[in-house]
Amino acid sequence: MKILVLTDIHAKTGAVTRLDSLRQADLVLLSGDITHFGHSREMAIMLQAIRSINPAVYAVTGNCDYPDAEKYLMDEGISLNATFREFGGVTLFGLSGSLPCPGKTPHEYSEEEYEAILTGLAMPQNGPLLFISHQPPYGTINDQVSPGVHVGSKTIRNFIEVHQPLICFTGHIHEGIGMDQIGTSRIVNPGPANAGGYAWAEIEGTTIKKLEITQPFR
């Protein structure tokens, strides 16, 4: 399976729709901040542009997407927020929003709220798990805003440590570009898609055949 992962598009549709990889992927995953402080109308515009090229899209929202934008994803049947979905032999699971930011944004969760979502989940047993979380886990290069300063979620890190998804695709921290690891789980933040960044994964069974990020304008 060929998977394209985009995060932090921030309503820059053209940065995404011009990607050849969008046409080549079997599955497109959007890891939040699809709009830029947008509501359901803006989300619909973004998703229609992407799905007109590749209809196999699943997504979570970010802290810059309003809650009614999340409802649009749910109504379309493509939200992964606190939801397991099966696609092509893999299990998808996601978390929307982010921890509280220095400047208030419209879609935030506390650690306690994330813990309430993640506690007591009936974890599926079939196929590898891909975890799509706008908020990165604590203590990786992906949640580092400056040297030694980490702003990730300890609750999300604990979920990864316990359940060891094959890959966690994340975003939110624009400076946190790169790939890291927690246990056997790969952690991937491709950087803002509005600047041309994306991740590309190829998975066969439970094996990662290819995993790379592209940052053409960095």
Protein backbone atom coordinates (compact mmCIF):
# COMPACT_ATOMS: atom_id res chain seq x y z
CA MET A 1 0.00 0.00 0.00
CA LYS A 2 1.26 3.46 -0.95
CA ILE A 3 0.33 6.18 1.53
CA LEU A 4 0.65 9.96 1.23
CA VAL A 5 0.53 11.91 4.50
CA LEU A 6 -0.10 15.66 4.67
CA THR A 7 -0.25 17.89 7.71
CA ASP A 8 -0.65 21.61 8.34
CA ILE A 9 -2.02 22.49 4.92
CA HIS A 10 -3.53 25.68 6.40
CA ALA A 11 -5.92 26.13 3.45
CA LYS A 12 -3.17 26.24 0.80
CA THR A 13 -4.97 23.95 -1.61
CA GLY A 14 -2.58 24.50 -4.49
CA ALA A 15 0.40 23.24 -2.49
CA VAL A 16 -1.35 19.86 -2.25
CA THR A 17 -3.25 19.40 -5.50
CA ARG A 18 -0.13 19.91 -7.60
CA LEU A 19 1.63 16.93 -5.99
CA ASP A 20 2.07 13.96 -8.33
CA SER A 21 2.08 11.76 -5.22
CA LEU A 22 -1.54 12.68 -4.57
CA ARG A 23 -2.51 10.86 -7.75
CA GLN A 24 -0.23 7.89 -7.10
CA ALA A 25 -1.24 7.06 -3.51
CA ASP A 26 -3.61 4.25 -2.54
CA LEU A 27 -4.46 6.19 0.63
CA VAL A 28 -4.20 9.85 1.64
CA LEU A 29 -4.01 10.76 5.34
CA LEU A 30 -4.47 14.33 6.58
CA SER A 31 -3.00 15.01 10.00
CA GLY A 32 -4.77 18.23 10.98
CA ASP A 33 -4.79 21.99 10.37
CA ILE A 34 -6.38 21.35 7.01
CA THR A 35 -7.99 24.80 7.09
CA HIS A 36 -6.61 28.01 8.57
CA PHE A 37 -9.07 28.81 11.36
CA GLY A 38 -11.79 27.48 9.08
CA HIS A 39 -15.27 26.10 9.68
CA SER A 40 -17.20 23.35 7.89
CA ARG A 41 -17.52 25.40 4.69
CA GLU A 42 -13.76 25.85 4.40
CA MET A 43 -13.21 22.19 5.24
CA ALA A 44 -15.62 21.16 2.50
CA ILE A 45 -13.76 23.27 -0.05
CA MET A 46 -10.41 21.77 0.95
CA LEU A 47 -11.63 18.18 0.99
CA GLN A 48 -13.48 18.48 -2.30
CA ALA A 49 -10.31 19.72 -3.99
CA ILE A 50 -8.24 16.82 -2.63
CA ARG A 51 -10.88 14.11 -3.11
CA SER A 52 -11.52 15.18 -6.71
CA ILE A 53 -7.98 13.93 -7.41
CA ASN A 54 -7.83 11.02 -4.94
CA PRO A 55 -11.04 9.96 -3.15
CA ALA A 56 -9.30 7.60 -0.66
CA VAL A 57 -8.90 10.19 2.11
CA TYR A 58 -9.10 9.94 5.92
CA ALA A 59 -8.33 12.77 8.30
CA VAL A 60 -8.13 14.31 11.72
CA THR A 61 -8.50 18.01 12.41
CA GLY A 62 -5.96 20.26 14.09
CA ASN A 63 -6.11 23.05 16.60
CA CYS A 64 -6.66 25.57 13.78
CA ASP A 65 -9.78 23.76 12.50
CA TYR A 66 -13.03 24.64 14.26
CA PRO A 67 -15.11 21.81 15.81
CA ASP A 68 -17.78 22.08 13.11
CA ALA A 69 -15.05 21.28 10.56
CA GLU A 70 -14.59 18.04 12.49
CA LYS A 71 -18.32 17.41 12.17
CA TYR A 72 -17.99 17.76 8.40
CA LEU A 73 -15.39 14.96 8.39
CA MET A 74 -17.65 12.81 10.55
CA ASP A 75 -20.65 13.41 8.29
CA GLU A 76 -18.52 12.41 5.30
CA GLY A 77 -17.41 9.22 7.07
CA ILE A 78 -13.71 10.07 6.87
CA SER A 79 -12.91 11.28 10.40
CA LEU A 80 -10.37 9.25 12.35
CA ASN A 81 -10.78 11.16 15.59
CA ALA A 82 -11.07 8.58 18.40
CA THR A 83 -12.18 6.13 15.69
CA PHE A 84 -10.77 2.91 14.26
CA ARG A 85 -11.20 2.30 10.54
CA GLU A 86 -9.94 -0.52 8.35
CA PHE A 87 -8.42 0.21 4.96
CA GLY A 88 -6.54 -2.18 2.72
CA GLY A 89 -5.36 -4.44 5.51
CA VAL A 90 -4.27 -1.71 7.93
CA THR A 91 -6.08 -0.24 10.93
CA LEU A 92 -6.28 3.55 11.12
CA PHE A 93 -6.79 5.48 14.36
CA GLY A 94 -6.51 9.17 15.03
CA LEU A 95 -6.68 12.09 17.43
CA SER A 96 -7.68 15.63 16.53
CA GLY A 97 -6.79 18.98 18.05
CA SER A 98 -3.79 19.84 20.20
CA LEU A 99 -2.79 20.64 23.72
CA PRO A 100 -3.49 24.27 24.74
CA CYS A 101 -1.37 26.71 22.75
CA PRO A 102 0.27 29.98 23.89
CA GLY A 103 -2.37 31.83 21.85
CA LYS A 104 -5.86 30.35 22.17
CA THR A 105 -6.91 28.27 19.16
CA PRO A 106 -10.35 26.80 18.42
CA HIS A 107 -9.71 23.08 18.90
CA GLU A 108 -7.71 22.19 21.99
CA TYR A 109 -7.68 19.33 24.50
CA SER A 110 -6.12 18.95 27.93
CA GLU A 111 -3.96 15.94 28.80
CA GLU A 112 -6.89 14.72 30.91
CA GLU A 113 -9.27 14.91 27.94
CA TYR A 114 -6.84 12.98 25.74
CA GLU A 115 -6.47 10.40 28.52
CA ALA A 116 -10.26 10.00 28.73
CA ILE A 117 -10.38 9.28 24.99
CA LEU A 118 -7.50 6.81 25.03
CA THR A 119 -8.30 4.91 28.23
CA GLY A 120 -10.12 1.61 27.87
CA LEU A 121 -10.12 1.44 24.08
CA ALA A 122 -11.03 -1.93 22.59
CA MET A 123 -7.92 -2.26 20.44
CA PRO A 124 -8.40 -4.18 17.18
CA GLN A 125 -6.15 -7.17 16.69
CA ASN A 126 -6.06 -7.41 12.91
CA GLY A 127 -3.45 -5.73 10.73
CA PRO A 128 -0.82 -3.12 11.53
CA LEU A 129 -1.95 0.06 13.31
CA LEU A 130 -1.32 3.50 11.83
CA PHE A 131 -1.85 6.31 14.35
CA ILE A 132 -2.62 9.77 12.96
CA SER A 133 -2.33 12.46 15.63
CA HIS A 134 -2.09 16.20 15.02
CA GLN A 135 -0.56 16.60 18.49
CA PRO A 136 2.86 14.92 18.62
CA PRO A 137 3.98 12.74 21.52
CA TYR A 138 6.28 14.15 24.16
CA GLY A 139 10.04 13.83 24.04
CA THR A 140 10.87 13.40 20.35
CA ILE A 141 12.34 15.64 17.69
CA ASN A 142 8.79 16.07 16.46
CA ASP A 143 7.58 18.08 19.48
CA GLN A 144 10.69 20.21 19.95
CA VAL A 145 10.15 23.97 19.47
CA SER A 146 13.73 24.86 20.39
CA PRO A 147 16.71 22.82 21.62
CA GLY A 148 15.63 20.90 24.70
CA VAL A 149 12.12 22.39 24.80
CA HIS A 150 9.44 19.75 24.23
CA VAL A 151 5.72 20.55 24.01
CA GLY A 152 4.27 17.15 23.12
CA SER A 153 1.65 15.10 24.91
CA LYS A 154 2.75 12.63 27.58
CA THR A 155 -0.63 10.89 27.29
CA ILE A 156 -0.12 10.30 23.58
CA ARG A 157 3.42 9.09 24.20
CA ASN A 158 2.09 6.58 26.74
CA PHE A 159 -0.47 5.30 24.21
CA ILE A 160 2.34 4.73 21.71
CA GLU A 161 4.56 3.02 24.29
CA VAL A 162 1.77 0.63 25.26
CA HIS A 163 0.25 -0.17 21.86
CA GLN A 164 3.28 0.30 19.55
CA PRO A 165 1.58 1.39 16.31
CA LEU A 166 3.64 0.69 13.24
CA ILE A 167 3.84 4.42 12.49
CA CYS A 168 2.54 7.57 14.17
CA PHE A 169 2.04 10.39 11.68
CA THR A 170 1.88 13.77 13.35
CA GLY A 171 2.22 17.50 12.74
CA HIS A 172 1.34 20.72 14.58
CA ILE A 173 4.92 21.68 15.46
CA HIS A 174 6.19 23.24 12.26
CA GLU A 175 9.77 23.11 13.55
CA GLY A 176 9.49 19.40 14.40
CA ILE A 177 10.22 18.03 10.95
CA GLY A 178 11.77 14.58 10.83
CA MET A 179 11.49 10.97 11.90
CA ASP A 180 11.99 9.59 15.39
CA GLN A 181 11.15 6.39 17.24
CA ILE A 182 9.38 5.29 20.43
CA GLY A 183 10.03 1.62 21.02
CA THR A 184 9.35 0.00 17.66
CA SER A 185 6.99 2.78 16.53
CA ARG A 186 8.22 5.26 13.94
CA ILE A 187 7.17 8.87 14.59
CA VAL A 188 6.90 11.05 11.48
CA ASN A 189 6.30 14.78 11.09
CA PRO A 190 6.75 15.74 7.43
CA GLY A 191 6.40 19.45 8.14
CA PRO A 192 3.81 21.86 6.78
CA ALA A 193 2.23 20.80 3.52
CA ASN A 194 1.61 24.46 2.71
CA ALA A 195 5.40 24.66 2.24
CA GLY A 196 5.52 21.50 0.13
CA GLY A 197 6.25 18.95 2.85
CA TYR A 198 4.77 15.47 2.85
CA ALA A 199 5.45 11.92 3.98
CA TRP A 200 5.39 8.86 1.75
CA ALA A 201 5.07 5.35 3.13
CA GLU A 202 4.88 1.98 1.44
CA ILE A 203 3.64 -0.88 3.61
CA GLU A 204 3.44 -4.57 2.81
CA GLY A 205 1.74 -6.59 5.53
CA THR A 206 3.40 -5.47 8.76
CA THR A 207 6.60 -4.37 7.01
CA ILE A 208 7.53 -0.79 6.18
CA LYS A 209 9.06 -1.01 2.71
CA LYS A 210 9.63 2.73 2.37
CA LEU A 211 9.23 5.69 4.70
CA GLU A 212 10.44 9.12 3.74
CA ILE A 213 9.67 12.80 4.05
CA THR A 214 10.04 15.49 1.42
CA GLN A 215 10.71 19.14 2.20
CA PRO A 216 11.38 20.80 -1.14
CA PHE A 217 11.41 24.39 0.12
CA ARG A 218 13.35 23.90 3.34
